[in-house]
PDB file of N, CA and C in Angstrom:
ATOM      1  N   UNK A   1     -19.510   3.218  -7.252  1.00  0.00           N
ATOM      2  CA  UNK A   1     -19.597   1.825  -6.862  1.00  0.00           C
ATOM      3  C   UNK A   1     -21.065   1.411  -6.919  1.00  0.00           C
ATOM      4  N   UNK A   2     -21.284   0.119  -6.860  1.00  0.00           N
ATOM      5  CA  UNK A   2     -22.625  -0.423  -6.967  1.00  0.00           C
ATOM      6  C   UNK A   2     -23.455  -0.222  -5.720  1.00  0.00           C
ATOM      7  N   UNK A   3     -24.516  -0.982  -5.616  1.00  0.00           N
ATOM      8  CA  UNK A   3     -25.404  -0.868  -4.468  1.00  0.00           C
ATOM      9  C   UNK A   3     -24.710  -1.325  -3.186  1.00  0.00           C
ATOM     10  N   UNK A   4     -25.305  -0.985  -2.068  1.00  0.00           N
ATOM     11  CA  UNK A   4     -24.676  -1.274  -0.783  1.00  0.00           C
ATOM     12  C   UNK A   4     -24.629  -2.773  -0.521  1.00  0.00           C
ATOM     13  N   UNK A   5     -23.627  -3.167   0.208  1.00  0.00           N
ATOM     14  CA  UNK A   5     -23.428  -4.568   0.556  1.00  0.00           C
ATOM     15  C   UNK A   5     -22.857  -4.634   1.960  1.00  0.00           C
ATOM     16  N   UNK A   6     -22.901  -5.789   2.553  1.00  0.00           N
ATOM     17  CA  UNK A   6     -22.337  -5.961   3.891  1.00  0.00           C
ATOM     18  C   UNK A   6     -20.932  -6.545   3.838  1.00  0.00           C
ATOM     19  N   UNK A   7     -20.390  -6.689   2.659  1.00  0.00           N
ATOM     20  CA  UNK A   7     -19.052  -7.259   2.503  1.00  0.00           C
ATOM     21  C   UNK A   7     -17.994  -6.268   2.979  1.00  0.00           C
ATOM     22  N   UNK A   8     -16.925  -6.801   3.524  1.00  0.00           N
ATOM     23  CA  UNK A   8     -15.772  -5.993   3.905  1.00  0.00           C
ATOM     24  C   UNK A   8     -14.778  -6.041   2.759  1.00  0.00           C
ATOM     25  N   UNK A   9     -14.282  -4.894   2.376  1.00  0.00           N
ATOM     26  CA  UNK A   9     -13.320  -4.816   1.289  1.00  0.00           C
ATOM     27  C   UNK A   9     -12.004  -4.298   1.850  1.00  0.00           C
ATOM     28  N   UNK A  10     -10.953  -5.063   1.660  1.00  0.00           N
ATOM     29  CA  UNK A  10      -9.605  -4.648   2.002  1.00  0.00           C
ATOM     30  C   UNK A  10      -8.808  -4.622   0.707  1.00  0.00           C
ATOM     31  N   UNK A  11      -8.081  -3.543   0.479  1.00  0.00           N
ATOM     32  CA  UNK A  11      -7.322  -3.393  -0.757  1.00  0.00           C
ATOM     33  C   UNK A  11      -5.875  -3.078  -0.413  1.00  0.00           C
ATOM     34  N   UNK A  12      -4.971  -3.892  -0.929  1.00  0.00           N
ATOM     35  CA  UNK A  12      -3.542  -3.629  -0.824  1.00  0.00           C
ATOM     36  C   UNK A  12      -3.019  -3.754  -2.243  1.00  0.00           C
ATOM     37  N   UNK A  13      -2.598  -2.635  -2.800  1.00  0.00           N
ATOM     38  CA  UNK A  13      -2.292  -2.582  -4.222  1.00  0.00           C
ATOM     39  C   UNK A  13      -0.922  -1.977  -4.438  1.00  0.00           C
ATOM     40  N   UNK A  14      -0.063  -2.735  -5.106  1.00  0.00           N
ATOM     41  CA  UNK A  14       1.273  -2.264  -5.407  1.00  0.00           C
ATOM     42  C   UNK A  14       1.433  -2.159  -6.920  1.00  0.00           C
ATOM     43  N   UNK A  15       1.582  -0.953  -7.399  1.00  0.00           N
ATOM     44  CA  UNK A  15       1.837  -0.692  -8.814  1.00  0.00           C
ATOM     45  C   UNK A  15       2.086   0.798  -8.971  1.00  0.00           C
ATOM     46  N   UNK A  16       2.701   1.168 -10.072  1.00  0.00           N
ATOM     47  CA  UNK A  16       2.832   2.588 -10.367  1.00  0.00           C
ATOM     48  C   UNK A  16       1.433   3.194 -10.422  1.00  0.00           C
ATOM     49  N   UNK A  17       1.295   4.400  -9.921  1.00  0.00           N
ATOM     50  CA  UNK A  17       0.009   5.120  -9.911  1.00  0.00           C
ATOM     51  C   UNK A  17      -1.063   4.412  -9.087  1.00  0.00           C
ATOM     52  N   UNK A  18      -0.674   3.529  -8.166  1.00  0.00           N
ATOM     53  CA  UNK A  18      -1.658   2.727  -7.436  1.00  0.00           C
ATOM     54  C   UNK A  18      -2.609   3.561  -6.589  1.00  0.00           C
ATOM     55  N   UNK A  19      -2.222   4.759  -6.228  1.00  0.00           N
ATOM     56  CA  UNK A  19      -3.112   5.611  -5.447  1.00  0.00           C
ATOM     57  C   UNK A  19      -4.208   6.275  -6.254  1.00  0.00           C
ATOM     58  N   UNK A  20      -4.232   6.032  -7.550  1.00  0.00           N
ATOM     59  CA  UNK A  20      -5.188   6.721  -8.422  1.00  0.00           C
ATOM     60  C   UNK A  20      -6.639   6.306  -8.193  1.00  0.00           C
ATOM     61  N   UNK A  21      -6.866   5.168  -7.563  1.00  0.00           N
ATOM     62  CA  UNK A  21      -8.237   4.699  -7.362  1.00  0.00           C
ATOM     63  C   UNK A  21      -8.771   4.961  -5.954  1.00  0.00           C
ATOM     64  N   UNK A  22      -7.994   5.609  -5.108  1.00  0.00           N
ATOM     65  CA  UNK A  22      -8.370   5.803  -3.708  1.00  0.00           C
ATOM     66  C   UNK A  22      -9.726   6.494  -3.580  1.00  0.00           C
ATOM     67  N   UNK A  23      -9.952   7.531  -4.333  1.00  0.00           N
ATOM     68  CA  UNK A  23     -11.225   8.255  -4.240  1.00  0.00           C
ATOM     69  C   UNK A  23     -12.415   7.352  -4.552  1.00  0.00           C
ATOM     70  N   UNK A  24     -12.234   6.423  -5.498  1.00  0.00           N
ATOM     71  CA  UNK A  24     -13.330   5.530  -5.890  1.00  0.00           C
ATOM     72  C   UNK A  24     -13.688   4.522  -4.802  1.00  0.00           C
ATOM     73  N   UNK A  25     -12.720   4.147  -3.985  1.00  0.00           N
ATOM     74  CA  UNK A  25     -12.958   3.092  -2.998  1.00  0.00           C
ATOM     75  C   UNK A  25     -13.043   3.551  -1.555  1.00  0.00           C
ATOM     76  N   UNK A  26     -12.758   4.811  -1.280  1.00  0.00           N
ATOM     77  CA  UNK A  26     -12.659   5.223   0.118  1.00  0.00           C
ATOM     78  C   UNK A  26     -13.962   5.077   0.896  1.00  0.00           C
ATOM     79  N   UNK A  27     -15.088   5.036   0.235  1.00  0.00           N
ATOM     80  CA  UNK A  27     -16.361   4.863   0.936  1.00  0.00           C
ATOM     81  C   UNK A  27     -16.663   3.406   1.260  1.00  0.00           C
ATOM     82  N   UNK A  28     -16.005   2.455   0.581  1.00  0.00           N
ATOM     83  CA  UNK A  28     -16.341   1.048   0.782  1.00  0.00           C
ATOM     84  C   UNK A  28     -15.194   0.210   1.328  1.00  0.00           C
ATOM     85  N   UNK A  29     -13.989   0.685   1.250  1.00  0.00           N
ATOM     86  CA  UNK A  29     -12.849  -0.121   1.698  1.00  0.00           C
ATOM     87  C   UNK A  29     -12.633   0.024   3.193  1.00  0.00           C
ATOM     88  N   UNK A  30     -12.452  -1.085   3.859  1.00  0.00           N
ATOM     89  CA  UNK A  30     -12.137  -1.101   5.275  1.00  0.00           C
ATOM     90  C   UNK A  30     -10.667  -0.729   5.476  1.00  0.00           C
ATOM     91  N   UNK A  31      -9.797  -1.390   4.728  1.00  0.00           N
ATOM     92  CA  UNK A  31      -8.365  -1.104   4.731  1.00  0.00           C
ATOM     93  C   UNK A  31      -7.958  -0.851   3.284  1.00  0.00           C
ATOM     94  N   UNK A  32      -7.266   0.248   3.053  1.00  0.00           N
ATOM     95  CA  UNK A  32      -6.809   0.557   1.702  1.00  0.00           C
ATOM     96  C   UNK A  32      -5.363   1.039   1.786  1.00  0.00           C
ATOM     97  N   UNK A  33      -4.462   0.273   1.186  1.00  0.00           N
ATOM     98  CA  UNK A  33      -3.040   0.607   1.195  1.00  0.00           C
ATOM     99  C   UNK A  33      -2.551   0.591  -0.238  1.00  0.00           C
ATOM    100  N   UNK A  34      -1.878   1.639  -0.625  1.00  0.00           N
ATOM    101  CA  UNK A  34      -1.238   1.682  -1.934  1.00  0.00           C
ATOM    102  C   UNK A  34       0.251   1.947  -1.744  1.00  0.00           C
ATOM    103  N   UNK A  35       1.049   1.470  -2.674  1.00  0.00           N
ATOM    104  CA  UNK A  35       2.494   1.636  -2.538  1.00  0.00           C
ATOM    105  C   UNK A  35       2.966   3.011  -2.972  1.00  0.00           C
ATOM    106  N   UNK A  36       2.107   3.762  -3.633  1.00  0.00           N
ATOM    107  CA  UNK A  36       2.464   5.122  -4.032  1.00  0.00           C
ATOM    108  C   UNK A  36       1.185   5.907  -4.309  1.00  0.00           C
ATOM    109  N   UNK A  37       1.338   7.171  -4.532  1.00  0.00           N
ATOM    110  CA  UNK A  37       0.212   8.048  -4.807  1.00  0.00           C
ATOM    111  C   UNK A  37      -0.111   7.997  -6.298  1.00  0.00           C
ATOM    112  N   UNK A  38      -1.194   8.641  -6.697  1.00  0.00           N
ATOM    113  CA  UNK A  38      -1.458   8.739  -8.126  1.00  0.00           C
ATOM    114  C   UNK A  38      -0.327   9.557  -8.752  1.00  0.00           C
ATOM    115  N   UNK A  39       0.014   9.254  -9.958  1.00  0.00           N
ATOM    116  CA  UNK A  39       1.084   9.923 -10.702  1.00  0.00           C
ATOM    117  C   UNK A  39       2.464   9.716 -10.090  1.00  0.00           C
ATOM    118  N   UNK A  40       2.652   8.647  -9.305  1.00  0.00           N
ATOM    119  CA  UNK A  40       3.966   8.297  -8.766  1.00  0.00           C
ATOM    120  C   UNK A  40       4.341   6.888  -9.199  1.00  0.00           C
ATOM    121  N   UNK A  41       5.638   6.663  -9.293  1.00  0.00           N
ATOM    122  CA  UNK A  41       6.137   5.334  -9.622  1.00  0.00           C
ATOM    123  C   UNK A  41       6.235   4.480  -8.363  1.00  0.00           C
ATOM    124  N   UNK A  42       6.086   3.176  -8.541  1.00  0.00           N
ATOM    125  CA  UNK A  42       6.391   2.222  -7.482  1.00  0.00           C
ATOM    126  C   UNK A  42       7.902   2.001  -7.555  1.00  0.00           C
ATOM    127  N   UNK A  43       8.583   2.199  -6.456  1.00  0.00           N
ATOM    128  CA  UNK A  43      10.040   2.230  -6.462  1.00  0.00           C
ATOM    129  C   UNK A  43      10.668   0.875  -6.195  1.00  0.00           C
ATOM    130  N   UNK A  44      11.733   0.584  -6.947  1.00  0.00           N
ATOM    131  CA  UNK A  44      12.531  -0.630  -6.811  1.00  0.00           C
ATOM    132  C   UNK A  44      13.967  -0.218  -6.572  1.00  0.00           C
ATOM    133  N   UNK A  45      14.664  -0.970  -5.753  1.00  0.00           N
ATOM    134  CA  UNK A  45      16.070  -0.718  -5.478  1.00  0.00           C
ATOM    135  C   UNK A  45      16.784  -2.064  -5.444  1.00  0.00           C
ATOM    136  N   UNK A  46      17.689  -2.271  -6.374  1.00  0.00           N
ATOM    137  CA  UNK A  46      18.436  -3.538  -6.469  1.00  0.00           C
ATOM    138  C   UNK A  46      17.505  -4.747  -6.550  1.00  0.00           C
ATOM    139  N   UNK A  47      16.433  -4.637  -7.330  1.00  0.00           N
ATOM    140  CA  UNK A  47      15.508  -5.745  -7.526  1.00  0.00           C
ATOM    141  C   UNK A  47      14.512  -5.971  -6.408  1.00  0.00           C
ATOM    142  N   UNK A  48      14.500  -5.095  -5.414  1.00  0.00           N
ATOM    143  CA  UNK A  48      13.574  -5.222  -4.286  1.00  0.00           C
ATOM    144  C   UNK A  48      12.639  -4.026  -4.286  1.00  0.00           C
ATOM    145  N   UNK A  49      11.356  -4.288  -4.181  1.00  0.00           N
ATOM    146  CA  UNK A  49      10.422  -3.175  -4.088  1.00  0.00           C
ATOM    147  C   UNK A  49      10.514  -2.583  -2.697  1.00  0.00           C
ATOM    148  N   UNK A  50      10.774  -1.296  -2.629  1.00  0.00           N
ATOM    149  CA  UNK A  50      11.052  -0.672  -1.333  1.00  0.00           C
ATOM    150  C   UNK A  50       9.830  -0.568  -0.431  1.00  0.00           C
ATOM    151  N   UNK A  51       8.641  -0.738  -0.969  1.00  0.00           N
ATOM    152  CA  UNK A  51       7.432  -0.714  -0.150  1.00  0.00           C
ATOM    153  C   UNK A  51       6.852  -2.120   0.026  1.00  0.00           C
ATOM    154  N   UNK A  52       6.572  -2.793  -1.064  1.00  0.00           N
ATOM    155  CA  UNK A  52       5.869  -4.079  -1.003  1.00  0.00           C
ATOM    156  C   UNK A  52       6.669  -5.163  -0.294  1.00  0.00           C
ATOM    157  N   UNK A  53       7.964  -5.246  -0.552  1.00  0.00           N
ATOM    158  CA  UNK A  53       8.755  -6.313   0.066  1.00  0.00           C
ATOM    159  C   UNK A  53       8.771  -6.218   1.590  1.00  0.00           C
ATOM    160  N   UNK A  54       9.101  -5.054   2.179  1.00  0.00           N
ATOM    161  CA  UNK A  54       9.049  -5.001   3.647  1.00  0.00           C
ATOM    162  C   UNK A  54       7.630  -5.146   4.193  1.00  0.00           C
ATOM    163  N   UNK A  55       6.638  -4.662   3.448  1.00  0.00           N
ATOM    164  CA  UNK A  55       5.251  -4.809   3.891  1.00  0.00           C
ATOM    165  C   UNK A  55       4.904  -6.286   4.036  1.00  0.00           C
ATOM    166  N   UNK A  56       5.073  -7.075   2.974  1.00  0.00           N
ATOM    167  CA  UNK A  56       4.679  -8.479   3.002  1.00  0.00           C
ATOM    168  C   UNK A  56       5.584  -9.312   3.904  1.00  0.00           C
ATOM    169  N   UNK A  57       6.856  -8.960   4.010  1.00  0.00           N
ATOM    170  CA  UNK A  57       7.731  -9.675   4.945  1.00  0.00           C
ATOM    171  C   UNK A  57       7.251  -9.496   6.388  1.00  0.00           C
ATOM    172  N   UNK A  58       6.793  -8.310   6.714  1.00  0.00           N
ATOM    173  CA  UNK A  58       6.281  -8.042   8.059  1.00  0.00           C
ATOM    174  C   UNK A  58       4.987  -8.815   8.318  1.00  0.00           C
ATOM    175  N   UNK A  59       4.111  -8.885   7.321  1.00  0.00           N
ATOM    176  CA  UNK A  59       2.877  -9.678   7.433  1.00  0.00           C
ATOM    177  C   UNK A  59       3.229 -11.156   7.638  1.00  0.00           C
ATOM    178  N   UNK A  60       4.179 -11.669   6.846  1.00  0.00           N
ATOM    179  CA  UNK A  60       4.581 -13.082   6.968  1.00  0.00           C
ATOM    180  C   UNK A  60       5.125 -13.415   8.357  1.00  0.00           C
ATOM    181  N   UNK A  61       5.691 -12.438   9.027  1.00  0.00           N
ATOM    182  CA  UNK A  61       6.230 -12.659  10.375  1.00  0.00           C
ATOM    183  C   UNK A  61       5.123 -12.620  11.434  1.00  0.00           C
ATOM    184  N   UNK A  62       3.868 -12.402  11.012  1.00  0.00           N
ATOM    185  CA  UNK A  62       2.743 -12.440  11.938  1.00  0.00           C
ATOM    186  C   UNK A  62       2.385 -11.099  12.542  1.00  0.00           C
ATOM    187  N   UNK A  63       2.933 -10.024  12.005  1.00  0.00           N
ATOM    188  CA  UNK A  63       2.634  -8.697  12.531  1.00  0.00           C
ATOM    189  C   UNK A  63       1.361  -8.127  11.904  1.00  0.00           C
ATOM    190  N   UNK A  64       0.875  -7.053  12.470  1.00  0.00           N
ATOM    191  CA  UNK A  64      -0.370  -6.430  12.011  1.00  0.00           C
ATOM    192  C   UNK A  64      -0.169  -5.681  10.697  1.00  0.00           C
ATOM    193  N   UNK A  65      -1.266  -5.381  10.041  1.00  0.00           N
ATOM    194  CA  UNK A  65      -1.227  -4.583   8.816  1.00  0.00           C
ATOM    195  C   UNK A  65      -0.644  -3.207   9.113  1.00  0.00           C
ATOM    196  N   UNK A  66      -1.016  -2.620  10.253  1.00  0.00           N
ATOM    197  CA  UNK A  66      -0.469  -1.311  10.613  1.00  0.00           C
ATOM    198  C   UNK A  66       1.045  -1.371  10.785  1.00  0.00           C
ATOM    199  N   UNK A  67       1.530  -2.398  11.489  1.00  0.00           N
ATOM    200  CA  UNK A  67       2.978  -2.550  11.648  1.00  0.00           C
ATOM    201  C   UNK A  67       3.662  -2.715  10.296  1.00  0.00           C
ATOM    202  N   UNK A  68       3.052  -3.489   9.419  1.00  0.00           N
ATOM    203  CA  UNK A  68       3.624  -3.713   8.088  1.00  0.00           C
ATOM    204  C   UNK A  68       3.656  -2.414   7.293  1.00  0.00           C
ATOM    205  N   UNK A  69       2.574  -1.648   7.365  1.00  0.00           N
ATOM    206  CA  UNK A  69       2.518  -0.366   6.661  1.00  0.00           C
ATOM    207  C   UNK A  69       3.582   0.586   7.191  1.00  0.00           C
ATOM    208  N   UNK A  70       3.691   0.678   8.511  1.00  0.00           N
ATOM    209  CA  UNK A  70       4.688   1.563   9.117  1.00  0.00           C
ATOM    210  C   UNK A  70       6.102   1.165   8.704  1.00  0.00           C
ATOM    211  N   UNK A  71       6.386  -0.141   8.716  1.00  0.00           N
ATOM    212  CA  UNK A  71       7.720  -0.606   8.331  1.00  0.00           C
ATOM    213  C   UNK A  71       8.002  -0.293   6.861  1.00  0.00           C
ATOM    214  N   UNK A  72       7.013  -0.505   5.998  1.00  0.00           N
ATOM    215  CA  UNK A  72       7.197  -0.223   4.575  1.00  0.00           C
ATOM    216  C   UNK A  72       7.436   1.268   4.335  1.00  0.00           C
ATOM    217  N   UNK A  73       6.689   2.115   5.023  1.00  0.00           N
ATOM    218  CA  UNK A  73       6.895   3.567   4.889  1.00  0.00           C
ATOM    219  C   UNK A  73       8.267   3.975   5.409  1.00  0.00           C
ATOM    220  N   UNK A  74       8.672   3.422   6.541  1.00  0.00           N
ATOM    221  CA  UNK A  74      10.002   3.719   7.081  1.00  0.00           C
ATOM    222  C   UNK A  74      11.086   3.313   6.089  1.00  0.00           C
ATOM    223  N   UNK A  75      10.914   2.150   5.469  1.00  0.00           N
ATOM    224  CA  UNK A  75      11.886   1.674   4.492  1.00  0.00           C
ATOM    225  C   UNK A  75      11.951   2.608   3.286  1.00  0.00           C
ATOM    226  N   UNK A  76      10.789   3.052   2.817  1.00  0.00           N
ATOM    227  CA  UNK A  76      10.763   3.957   1.668  1.00  0.00           C
ATOM    228  C   UNK A  76      11.431   5.287   2.020  1.00  0.00           C
ATOM    229  N   UNK A  77      11.157   5.807   3.208  1.00  0.00           N
ATOM    230  CA  UNK A  77      11.791   7.060   3.630  1.00  0.00           C
ATOM    231  C   UNK A  77      13.307   6.900   3.730  1.00  0.00           C
ATOM    232  N   UNK A  78      13.762   5.787   4.265  1.00  0.00           N
ATOM    233  CA  UNK A  78      15.195   5.551   4.433  1.00  0.00           C
ATOM    234  C   UNK A  78      15.911   5.428   3.091  1.00  0.00           C
ATOM    235  N   UNK A  79      15.184   5.000   2.064  1.00  0.00           N
ATOM    236  CA  UNK A  79      15.806   4.864   0.752  1.00  0.00           C
ATOM    237  C   UNK A  79      15.680   6.132  -0.071  1.00  0.00           C
ATOM    238  N   UNK A  80      15.180   7.194   0.566  1.00  0.00           N
ATOM    239  CA  UNK A  80      15.090   8.515  -0.053  1.00  0.00           C
ATOM    240  C   UNK A  80      14.212   8.535  -1.299  1.00  0.00           C
ATOM    241  N   UNK A  81      13.062   7.891  -1.214  1.00  0.00           N
ATOM    242  CA  UNK A  81      12.086   7.910  -2.291  1.00  0.00           C
ATOM    243  C   UNK A  81      10.806   8.539  -1.771  1.00  0.00           C
ATOM    244  N   UNK A  82       9.952   9.001  -2.675  1.00  0.00           N
ATOM    245  CA  UNK A  82       8.715   9.661  -2.217  1.00  0.00           C
ATOM    246  C   UNK A  82       7.805   8.725  -1.430  1.00  0.00           C
ATOM    247  N   UNK A  83       7.262   9.207  -0.352  1.00  0.00           N
ATOM    248  CA  UNK A  83       6.270   8.483   0.442  1.00  0.00           C
ATOM    249  C   UNK A  83       5.109   9.421   0.651  1.00  0.00           C
ATOM    250  N   UNK A  84       3.884   8.980   0.246  1.00  0.00           N
ATOM    251  CA  UNK A  84       2.705   9.819   0.376  1.00  0.00           C
ATOM    252  C   UNK A  84       2.265  10.020   1.782  1.00  0.00           C
TER     253      UNK A  84
END
């Protein structure tokens, strides 16, 4: 990464292999959430993303990022897909 800055970086990234950049950003990101690990697919079930949809629905309801992350992980586990 570039020179130091006082900016806060929050990253929420949903895509296949989205965890592949974690090492590059872990020193500068305040919050970093990926929908899967490197070399993993982002999972869909009946047209709904099993991680991103519950995550953003929880945020829209006014809940915290942690609550949204926990709900998305719980949803992924319940659908029997890999969760990092």
